Amino acid sequence: MARPTQRARTLSQNFLADRATAEHVARLAAPDHRHPPLLLEVGAGKGALTEPLARRSRELYAYEIDPRLVPGLRARFAHAPHVRVVAGDFLAARPPRTPFSVAGNVPFSRTADIVDWCLTAPGLTDATLLTQLEYARKRTGDYGRWTLLTVRTWPRHEWRLAGRVSRYGFRPAPRVDAGILRIESRPVPLLAGPAHRSWRHLVELGFSGVGGSLHASLRRVHPRRRVDAAFRAARLDHGVLVGEVAPARWLRLHEELTA
């Protein structure tokens, strides 16, 4: 039988041990006590984050994939009828039909899948996720570079780095620090319908990597004079690399090239 530390590594479990961080994440996930939200917690673990989330929500579904932790969680929150501890994989859950928030200390090895689940859930209002710091920085442009996923989803979702957490705030301590990633669904998308479809096509063309630069990639479909005019409007140099272009400048490019 695997030892607890071996099982934790297999499930990519690094349990949150810092109370101040748990309180901070809970405040971000549920900032308004007057209208407490429906919350889904991914990776409840031993309940360090579940506790402050429970105080700030009217209904909380705490998902835990490790069956050995579920009895302790259920005993801990037996006094809270609005908290339901769900034994199983968060990724197998159906999104609620009503608006909801997601929060959690995400297993680092499953971050991409959990983020994808959040982005495709129609009722999601926001997600507050503890991830590897590098992942959070890459997705939010904190390195001065932007990824395809962030730019492609920008008209409907805003990405923000909401804090950093030392690796020593977890047990066992991971090899790297963590970041607090906020993904917020826009109440009104910046682009919708045909405009959103043309946005996706433009962004994917730009990130195709063909031609050696963003300017060259866009010229594969659009006339050079139009690309030149769009770059002037967005205040971009012809040699700029695609990852260096912030979402706001992408919006200007899209406006010019689809006018």
Protein backbone atom coordinates (compact mmCIF):
# COMPACT_ATOMS: atom_id res chain seq x y z
CA MET A 1 0.00 0.00 0.00
CA ALA A 2 1.33 3.45 -0.93
CA ARG A 3 2.46 5.71 1.88
CA PRO A 4 0.54 9.01 2.36
CA THR A 5 3.38 11.10 0.91
CA GLN A 6 3.62 8.81 -2.13
CA ARG A 7 -0.13 9.00 -2.67
CA ALA A 8 -0.02 12.79 -2.37
CA ARG A 9 2.64 12.96 -5.08
CA THR A 10 0.63 10.61 -7.32
CA LEU A 11 -2.45 12.85 -7.02
CA SER A 12 -0.33 16.02 -7.19
CA GLN A 13 -1.53 16.99 -3.70
CA ASN A 14 0.11 19.86 -1.87
CA PHE A 15 -2.28 20.78 0.92
CA LEU A 16 -2.73 24.45 1.74
CA ALA A 17 -1.49 25.11 5.26
CA ASP A 18 -1.38 28.91 5.39
CA ARG A 19 -4.55 30.31 6.98
CA ALA A 20 -4.00 33.86 5.73
CA THR A 21 -3.78 32.62 2.14
CA ALA A 22 -6.96 30.58 2.57
CA GLU A 23 -8.82 33.65 3.86
CA HIS A 24 -7.47 35.79 1.01
CA VAL A 25 -8.53 33.29 -1.66
CA ALA A 26 -11.99 33.00 -0.07
CA ARG A 27 -12.43 36.78 -0.10
CA LEU A 28 -11.52 36.89 -3.78
CA ALA A 29 -13.88 34.04 -4.61
CA ALA A 30 -16.80 35.42 -2.58
CA PRO A 31 -16.26 39.12 -1.85
CA ASP A 32 -19.86 40.13 -1.14
CA HIS A 33 -21.52 38.70 1.97
CA ARG A 34 -24.84 40.32 1.02
CA HIS A 35 -25.16 38.11 -2.06
CA PRO A 36 -23.23 34.95 -1.22
CA PRO A 37 -22.66 32.83 -4.34
CA LEU A 38 -22.97 29.23 -5.31
CA LEU A 39 -19.42 27.94 -5.03
CA LEU A 40 -17.67 24.85 -6.37
CA GLU A 41 -14.37 23.97 -4.74
CA VAL A 42 -11.90 21.85 -6.67
CA GLY A 43 -9.55 19.76 -4.55
CA ALA A 44 -10.91 20.30 -1.04
CA GLY A 45 -8.09 18.25 0.49
CA LYS A 46 -8.26 18.50 4.27
CA GLY A 47 -10.58 21.52 4.27
CA ALA A 48 -8.19 24.43 4.83
CA LEU A 49 -9.83 26.48 2.07
CA THR A 50 -13.25 24.86 2.46
CA GLU A 51 -13.62 26.43 5.92
CA PRO A 52 -13.47 30.11 4.85
CA LEU A 53 -15.37 29.36 1.64
CA ALA A 54 -18.18 27.82 3.71
CA ARG A 55 -18.50 31.00 5.76
CA ARG A 56 -18.91 33.10 2.63
CA SER A 57 -21.29 31.00 0.51
CA ARG A 58 -24.94 30.05 0.56
CA GLU A 59 -24.17 26.73 -1.13
CA LEU A 60 -20.80 25.01 -1.47
CA TYR A 61 -19.92 21.83 -3.33
CA ALA A 62 -16.48 20.67 -2.19
CA TYR A 63 -15.00 18.10 -4.59
CA GLU A 64 -12.30 15.71 -3.40
CA ILE A 65 -10.86 12.93 -5.57
CA ASP A 66 -8.98 11.11 -2.79
CA PRO A 67 -11.49 8.78 -1.06
CA ARG A 68 -9.32 8.60 2.06
CA LEU A 69 -9.91 12.30 2.73
CA VAL A 70 -13.66 12.35 2.20
CA PRO A 71 -14.78 10.96 5.60
CA GLY A 72 -12.73 13.55 7.46
CA LEU A 73 -14.16 16.36 5.33
CA ARG A 74 -17.72 15.18 5.86
CA ALA A 75 -17.19 14.94 9.60
CA ARG A 76 -15.63 18.41 9.72
CA PHE A 77 -18.55 20.04 7.89
CA ALA A 78 -21.38 17.91 9.26
CA HIS A 79 -22.64 20.99 11.12
CA ALA A 80 -22.90 23.02 7.88
CA PRO A 81 -25.93 21.84 5.87
CA HIS A 82 -25.08 24.16 2.96
CA VAL A 83 -21.75 22.36 2.41
CA ARG A 84 -21.84 19.20 0.35
CA VAL A 85 -18.65 17.17 0.17
CA VAL A 86 -18.59 15.36 -3.17
CA ALA A 87 -16.38 12.29 -3.49
CA GLY A 88 -15.04 12.20 -7.01
CA ASP A 89 -13.27 14.00 -9.81
CA PHE A 90 -14.21 17.66 -10.24
CA LEU A 91 -13.63 17.31 -13.99
CA ALA A 92 -16.50 14.81 -14.20
CA ALA A 93 -18.95 17.30 -12.69
CA ARG A 94 -21.67 18.92 -14.77
CA PRO A 95 -21.62 22.72 -14.50
CA PRO A 96 -24.60 24.13 -12.58
CA ARG A 97 -27.35 25.77 -14.62
CA THR A 98 -27.31 28.85 -12.40
CA PRO A 99 -24.39 31.30 -12.13
CA PHE A 100 -21.57 29.98 -9.98
CA SER A 101 -17.96 30.53 -8.95
CA VAL A 102 -15.07 28.09 -8.76
CA ALA A 103 -12.26 28.19 -6.21
CA GLY A 104 -9.57 25.78 -5.21
CA ASN A 105 -6.03 24.72 -4.59
CA VAL A 106 -5.54 23.08 -7.98
CA PRO A 107 -3.42 19.94 -8.37
CA PHE A 108 -0.56 21.32 -10.46
CA SER A 109 -0.57 18.38 -12.87
CA ARG A 110 -4.25 18.96 -13.72
CA THR A 111 -4.26 22.74 -13.99
CA ALA A 112 -4.79 22.92 -17.76
CA ASP A 113 -7.76 20.54 -17.69
CA ILE A 114 -9.41 22.39 -14.81
CA VAL A 115 -8.93 25.77 -16.50
CA ASP A 116 -10.45 24.37 -19.72
CA TRP A 117 -13.44 23.09 -17.72
CA CYS A 118 -13.96 26.57 -16.29
CA LEU A 119 -13.65 28.33 -19.65
CA THR A 120 -16.29 26.12 -21.27
CA ALA A 121 -18.82 26.23 -18.40
CA PRO A 122 -21.64 28.56 -19.53
CA GLY A 123 -22.68 29.68 -16.03
CA LEU A 124 -19.22 30.44 -14.65
CA THR A 125 -18.89 33.96 -13.30
CA ASP A 126 -15.31 33.65 -12.05
CA ALA A 127 -12.62 31.23 -10.92
CA THR A 128 -10.01 31.77 -8.21
CA LEU A 129 -7.34 29.11 -8.51
CA LEU A 130 -4.08 28.40 -6.72
CA THR A 131 -1.75 27.21 -9.49
CA GLN A 132 1.95 27.04 -10.16
CA LEU A 133 3.25 30.60 -10.16
CA GLU A 134 4.79 30.16 -13.61
CA TYR A 135 1.45 29.06 -15.06
CA ALA A 136 -0.38 32.03 -13.54
CA ARG A 137 2.26 34.47 -14.74
CA LYS A 138 2.25 33.06 -18.28
CA ARG A 139 -1.51 33.17 -18.62
CA THR A 140 -1.86 36.72 -17.29
CA GLY A 141 0.95 38.34 -19.27
CA ASP A 142 3.07 38.94 -16.18
CA TYR A 143 6.22 38.00 -18.12
CA GLY A 144 5.40 40.63 -20.74
CA ARG A 145 4.24 37.88 -23.08
CA TRP A 146 0.78 36.50 -23.82
CA THR A 147 -0.32 32.97 -24.68
CA LEU A 148 -2.70 31.82 -27.39
CA LEU A 149 -5.27 30.63 -24.83
CA THR A 150 -5.37 33.98 -23.03
CA VAL A 151 -5.67 36.07 -26.18
CA ARG A 152 -8.22 33.75 -27.81
CA THR A 153 -10.51 33.85 -24.75
CA TRP A 154 -9.99 37.54 -23.90
CA PRO A 155 -13.27 38.86 -25.37
CA ARG A 156 -15.18 36.66 -22.90
CA HIS A 157 -12.75 36.17 -20.01
CA GLU A 158 -10.33 38.48 -18.22
CA TRP A 159 -7.20 36.88 -16.75
CA ARG A 160 -5.48 38.39 -13.71
CA LEU A 161 -2.65 37.48 -11.34
CA ALA A 162 -4.11 38.19 -7.90
CA GLY A 163 -1.16 37.26 -5.70
CA ARG A 164 1.78 34.97 -5.01
CA VAL A 165 2.07 32.27 -2.37
CA SER A 166 5.29 30.79 -1.03
CA ARG A 167 5.71 27.06 -1.54
CA TYR A 168 6.27 26.81 2.21
CA GLY A 169 2.59 27.58 2.73
CA PHE A 170 1.78 24.03 1.56
CA ARG A 171 2.27 20.56 3.04
CA PRO A 172 4.22 18.88 1.60
CA ALA A 173 5.97 21.88 0.08
CA PRO A 174 6.09 21.74 -3.73
CA ARG A 175 9.27 22.58 -5.62
CA VAL A 176 7.91 25.95 -6.81
CA ASP A 177 5.85 28.85 -5.48
CA ALA A 178 2.17 29.25 -6.32
CA GLY A 179 0.14 32.04 -7.85
CA ILE A 180 -3.48 33.08 -7.36
CA LEU A 181 -5.06 33.08 -10.80
CA ARG A 182 -8.32 34.94 -11.36
CA ILE A 183 -10.43 34.23 -14.43
CA GLU A 184 -13.47 36.49 -14.66
CA SER A 185 -16.26 36.02 -17.20
CA ARG A 186 -17.27 39.34 -18.71
CA PRO A 187 -20.96 40.21 -18.07
CA VAL A 188 -21.07 41.52 -21.64
CA PRO A 189 -18.55 39.97 -24.07
CA LEU A 190 -16.31 42.40 -25.92
CA LEU A 191 -17.16 40.53 -29.14
CA ALA A 192 -20.08 38.25 -29.98
CA GLY A 193 -21.52 36.28 -32.87
CA PRO A 194 -19.68 36.66 -36.20
CA ALA A 195 -17.25 39.16 -34.66
CA HIS A 196 -16.15 36.58 -32.08
CA ARG A 197 -15.68 33.92 -34.76
CA SER A 198 -13.55 36.26 -36.86
CA TRP A 199 -11.55 37.08 -33.71
CA ARG A 200 -10.71 33.43 -33.15
CA HIS A 201 -9.67 33.00 -36.78
CA LEU A 202 -7.46 36.08 -36.63
CA VAL A 203 -5.77 35.08 -33.37
CA GLU A 204 -5.15 31.52 -34.51
CA LEU A 205 -3.71 32.83 -37.78
CA GLY A 206 -1.42 35.15 -35.86
CA PHE A 207 -0.22 32.37 -33.57
CA SER A 208 0.29 29.94 -36.46
CA GLY A 209 4.00 30.77 -36.49
CA VAL A 210 4.17 30.84 -40.29
CA GLY A 211 6.32 33.62 -41.68
CA GLY A 212 8.47 34.30 -38.64
CA SER A 213 6.52 37.26 -37.28
CA LEU A 214 2.95 38.30 -36.53
CA HIS A 215 3.02 40.72 -39.45
CA ALA A 216 4.10 37.99 -41.87
CA SER A 217 1.55 35.51 -40.51
CA LEU A 218 -1.35 37.94 -40.98
CA ARG A 219 -0.21 38.74 -44.54
CA ARG A 220 -0.98 35.15 -45.53
CA VAL A 221 -4.69 36.11 -45.52
CA HIS A 222 -4.85 39.91 -45.49
CA PRO A 223 -3.34 42.34 -48.04
CA ARG A 224 -0.09 43.92 -46.92
CA ARG A 225 -1.47 47.46 -47.05
CA ARG A 226 -4.27 46.51 -44.66
CA VAL A 227 -1.89 44.76 -42.30
CA ASP A 228 0.42 47.80 -42.40
CA ALA A 229 -2.51 50.10 -41.58
CA ALA A 230 -3.67 47.83 -38.75
CA PHE A 231 -0.18 47.76 -37.24
CA ARG A 232 -0.02 51.55 -37.36
CA ALA A 233 -3.39 51.82 -35.65
CA ALA A 234 -2.32 49.34 -32.95
CA ARG A 235 1.09 51.04 -32.61
CA LEU A 236 2.99 47.84 -33.33
CA ASP A 237 6.37 47.36 -34.94
CA HIS A 238 6.46 45.10 -38.00
CA GLY A 239 8.97 42.82 -36.31
CA VAL A 240 6.99 42.29 -33.10
CA LEU A 241 6.69 38.68 -31.96
CA VAL A 242 3.18 37.34 -31.54
CA GLY A 243 3.57 36.65 -27.82
CA GLU A 244 4.53 40.28 -27.18
CA VAL A 245 1.17 41.63 -28.37
CA ALA A 246 -1.21 42.43 -25.51
CA PRO A 247 -4.94 41.65 -25.89
CA ALA A 248 -5.85 45.35 -26.17
CA ARG A 249 -3.62 45.67 -29.24
CA TRP A 250 -5.12 42.49 -30.68
CA LEU A 251 -8.53 44.12 -30.38
CA ARG A 252 -7.27 47.09 -32.39
CA LEU A 253 -5.84 44.78 -35.05
CA HIS A 254 -9.13 42.94 -35.26
CA GLU A 255 -11.09 46.18 -35.57
CA GLU A 256 -8.92 47.34 -38.46
CA LEU A 257 -8.70 44.04 -40.34
CA THR A 258 -12.40 43.25 -40.12
CA ALA A 259 -13.72 46.77 -40.83
